């Protein structure tokens, strides 16, 4: 198991478009991946757009991404980079 923390930094948070991009990236990995809102403790399946949107993750929310499986390190690092790159959004 491998996990890492970061903060949602894009303008609109992890909503519709960003959540879709996040889950699209997550499904590329065989590991089980979870995302946790560290501000309220809710956890969701990173491969489920409904689960991710249901966490309500606006800008400034602290999150943890955790993966368990053969490609856990690559999965977490890829998703952390996606979040920290603001899902490709401009400022």
Protein backbone atom coordinates (compact mmCIF):
# COMPACT_ATOMS: atom_id res chain seq x y z
CA UNK A 1 0.00 0.00 0.00
CA UNK A 2 1.22 3.50 -0.89
CA UNK A 3 -0.40 6.87 -0.21
CA UNK A 4 0.35 10.54 -0.51
CA UNK A 5 -1.36 13.79 0.46
CA UNK A 6 -1.92 16.96 -1.54
CA UNK A 7 -4.33 19.88 -1.80
CA UNK A 8 -6.87 20.59 -4.53
CA UNK A 9 -5.48 23.69 -6.26
CA UNK A 10 -7.54 24.14 -9.41
CA UNK A 11 -10.10 26.96 -9.47
CA UNK A 12 -13.32 24.88 -9.43
CA UNK A 13 -12.11 21.92 -7.41
CA UNK A 14 -12.72 18.28 -8.24
CA UNK A 15 -16.08 18.71 -9.98
CA UNK A 16 -17.54 17.30 -13.25
CA UNK A 17 -14.73 17.83 -15.81
CA UNK A 18 -11.85 17.43 -13.34
CA UNK A 19 -13.52 14.42 -11.69
CA UNK A 20 -13.95 12.80 -15.10
CA UNK A 21 -10.27 13.36 -15.89
CA UNK A 22 -9.27 12.04 -12.44
CA UNK A 23 -11.29 8.83 -12.77
CA UNK A 24 -10.11 8.33 -16.37
CA UNK A 25 -6.52 8.38 -15.14
CA UNK A 26 -7.32 6.16 -12.14
CA UNK A 27 -8.92 3.44 -14.28
CA UNK A 28 -5.65 3.04 -16.20
CA UNK A 29 -4.14 1.29 -13.18
CA UNK A 30 -4.84 -2.21 -11.87
CA UNK A 31 -4.41 -1.19 -8.21
CA UNK A 32 -7.36 -0.46 -5.96
CA UNK A 33 -7.30 3.34 -5.51
CA UNK A 34 -9.07 5.41 -2.88
CA UNK A 35 -9.33 9.16 -2.44
CA UNK A 36 -9.99 10.63 0.99
CA UNK A 37 -11.14 14.13 1.90
CA UNK A 38 -8.83 14.83 4.84
CA UNK A 39 -10.98 17.74 5.98
CA UNK A 40 -14.01 15.54 6.75
CA UNK A 41 -12.68 11.97 6.54
CA UNK A 42 -14.93 10.77 3.71
CA UNK A 43 -13.37 8.21 1.38
CA UNK A 44 -14.36 7.24 -2.15
CA UNK A 45 -13.39 4.92 -4.97
CA UNK A 46 -11.04 6.89 -7.25
CA UNK A 47 -12.26 4.88 -10.26
CA UNK A 48 -15.91 5.92 -9.79
CA UNK A 49 -16.93 9.38 -10.98
CA UNK A 50 -20.06 9.25 -8.79
CA UNK A 51 -17.95 8.41 -5.75
CA UNK A 52 -15.40 11.17 -6.49
CA UNK A 53 -18.03 13.87 -7.14
CA UNK A 54 -19.88 12.75 -4.00
CA UNK A 55 -16.87 13.66 -1.85
CA UNK A 56 -17.38 17.39 -2.58
CA UNK A 57 -13.77 18.51 -3.07
CA UNK A 58 -13.55 22.28 -3.67
CA UNK A 59 -10.34 24.24 -4.09
CA UNK A 60 -8.26 24.15 -0.90
CA UNK A 61 -9.45 20.69 0.23
CA UNK A 62 -6.70 18.45 1.58
CA UNK A 63 -6.85 14.94 0.10
CA UNK A 64 -5.05 11.64 0.38
CA UNK A 65 -4.72 9.27 -2.56
CA UNK A 66 -4.03 5.67 -1.57
CA UNK A 67 -3.41 2.69 -3.82
CA UNK A 68 -2.89 -0.99 -3.15
CA UNK A 69 -1.62 -3.30 -5.89
CA UNK A 70 1.15 -4.00 -8.37
CA UNK A 71 1.26 -0.46 -9.77
CA UNK A 72 0.39 1.43 -6.57
CA UNK A 73 3.38 3.79 -6.61
CA UNK A 74 2.87 4.77 -10.25
CA UNK A 75 -0.88 5.20 -9.71
CA UNK A 76 -0.55 7.52 -6.72
CA UNK A 77 2.24 9.58 -8.24
CA UNK A 78 0.32 9.96 -11.52
CA UNK A 79 -2.85 11.13 -9.77
CA UNK A 80 -0.96 13.48 -7.43
CA UNK A 81 0.75 15.07 -10.45
CA UNK A 82 -2.63 15.46 -12.17
CA UNK A 83 -4.10 17.24 -9.12
CA UNK A 84 -1.05 19.45 -8.61
CA UNK A 85 -1.11 20.38 -12.33
CA UNK A 86 -4.68 21.66 -11.77
CA UNK A 87 -6.01 19.02 -14.22
CA UNK A 88 -4.46 21.09 -17.00
CA UNK A 89 -6.56 24.16 -16.17
CA UNK A 90 -5.09 27.61 -16.59
CA UNK A 91 -5.00 29.92 -13.55
